[in-house]
Amino acid sequence: MKKIYFLCISLFATYQLSAQCAGRYQANIFSTIDVNTVTYGSNLDLNGNSVNLTMDIYQPQGDTSTSRPLIIFAHGGSFSAGTKNDADIVYFCTEMAKKGYVCASINYRLAPSAFSLIAEETTVKVVLMAMQDGKAAVRYFRQDAATSNTYKIDSDQIFIGGTSAGGILGINMAYLDSTDVMSPSWQSWSNDVGGLEGNSGNPGYCSLVSGTFGFAGGVADPLWITSNDVPWYGCHAETDNTVKIGYGQPLSGFTPVFLYGSDSINARLNTLGIHAAYDRYAGGAHPPFNGSSTIMQNNKDSLAAFLYRILDCNPNNLKLPGQKSCNTTTGIADATEKTIKATIYPNPTNNYITIELNQNFDLSNSHIMIVNSLGEVLVNQQATDYTNKINLSNFAQGVYYVRITSNENNYTQLIVKQ
């Protein structure tokens, strides 16, 4: 009798689990997928040539749902190669569409050649341009949802990521909210190509996403991830030399920039209490499923499980209250106007830094923090005056962040300790 009772409870729990999202998004419920190609924008490449931006949209054939989550996939190729038709991306789009998602595989602007990435300026600009294209793709679907509603998506549930460079595109796009946290040269290069939002199409619509993922992806700085940020899924091989699992230069040191891989992203999210799912593999395959259909299937299943845990139709979803979204974020321009104004010098520094705050700054409930590249707070003190001096002579050489907070205002600036 007890066995029958527990069997009934188990079956009921299974039914409840699948009923939460009407049985969608976990198992395959469709067998045939329709794919159509659209142009979602256009922009100039680094040579000044106009590029039409296209994507393939995957939808379950015969689906009657009118509010479906959207997954945008970006291909790999070191930002100099690859297309929306790459086999791994076609596989992920097809398999996730079978579960009821709308999926899109995007083309984005690439570097003139792989060799051109030896210049830091080219690398930074090309990555920023790819992120702009990703934002334009998000805006394309939000524009459609607000007008013709051709694709029947839920515009509050859009996710972006991809393989290698595509993962880097999606992850950095999800977590970089302002150029204020970038070095002066990177800020200048961002301005050269049109800022974070860019001009790739569909202006006037929000480009934020509800989650991100990367198959061997990375982020330029884990401190870009803040306490109200979105969840992440990643997979990575321990000795990957194309994109390091920890901190290092991509492409075995060929490119003159540094990137934080999945270990660093996972650690940062865990520190902040943001949901993260992570598959870590032995070896150096890039991405981990390279040459292994079994691992590719496992990564697809992990992505599906991760997304289900943060879907709105799941009443036990792991999204944090106050997670940034189009409904809760005022936008970069508005947020910038409300931030603290501060002058920090000298930068670079050997010993001390001086922090001068504007006279309108509210000293009550204010703090000055020095944070290292791992997100560890090394100094946390109250701002006692409009001019504050901090001794960094015992700090190791490297990059740090000065973070100033007061009530709802905040300011962050990168500094270099020589």
Foldseek 3Di string as FASTA:
>chain_A
DVVVVVVVVVVVVVVVQCVLQDNFLQAQPADDKDKDKDFLFWDAAPVRDIDTKMKIKIAGPPDPAQAAAEEEEEEDDLLADDALVPPLNVVLQHRRNSRPHIYMYIDFHGQPHPLVLLDVLSSLLSLLRRLLVLLSVLLSQVVCCVPVSPPSYNNQAYEAAYFESRNQSRVQSQQAADCQAPDPVSSVSCVVQAHNNGDGDNPDGDRHHQEYEYLWYWYLFLVSHDLQGHEYEYEAECAAQQRHQAKDDHPNNSGPGMTGHDVLNVLSCVVSVHDYHYHYHYDHDRRPCVVPPVVSVVVSSSVSVLSSLQDPSRPNHRRDPNRDTPVRDPGSVVLVVQAWDWDWDDFADAWKIKIATDPPDDQPPKWKFKADRSRDTPDIDGDPDRIDMDTPNPPDWDKIKIWMDDDPHIHIYIGTHD
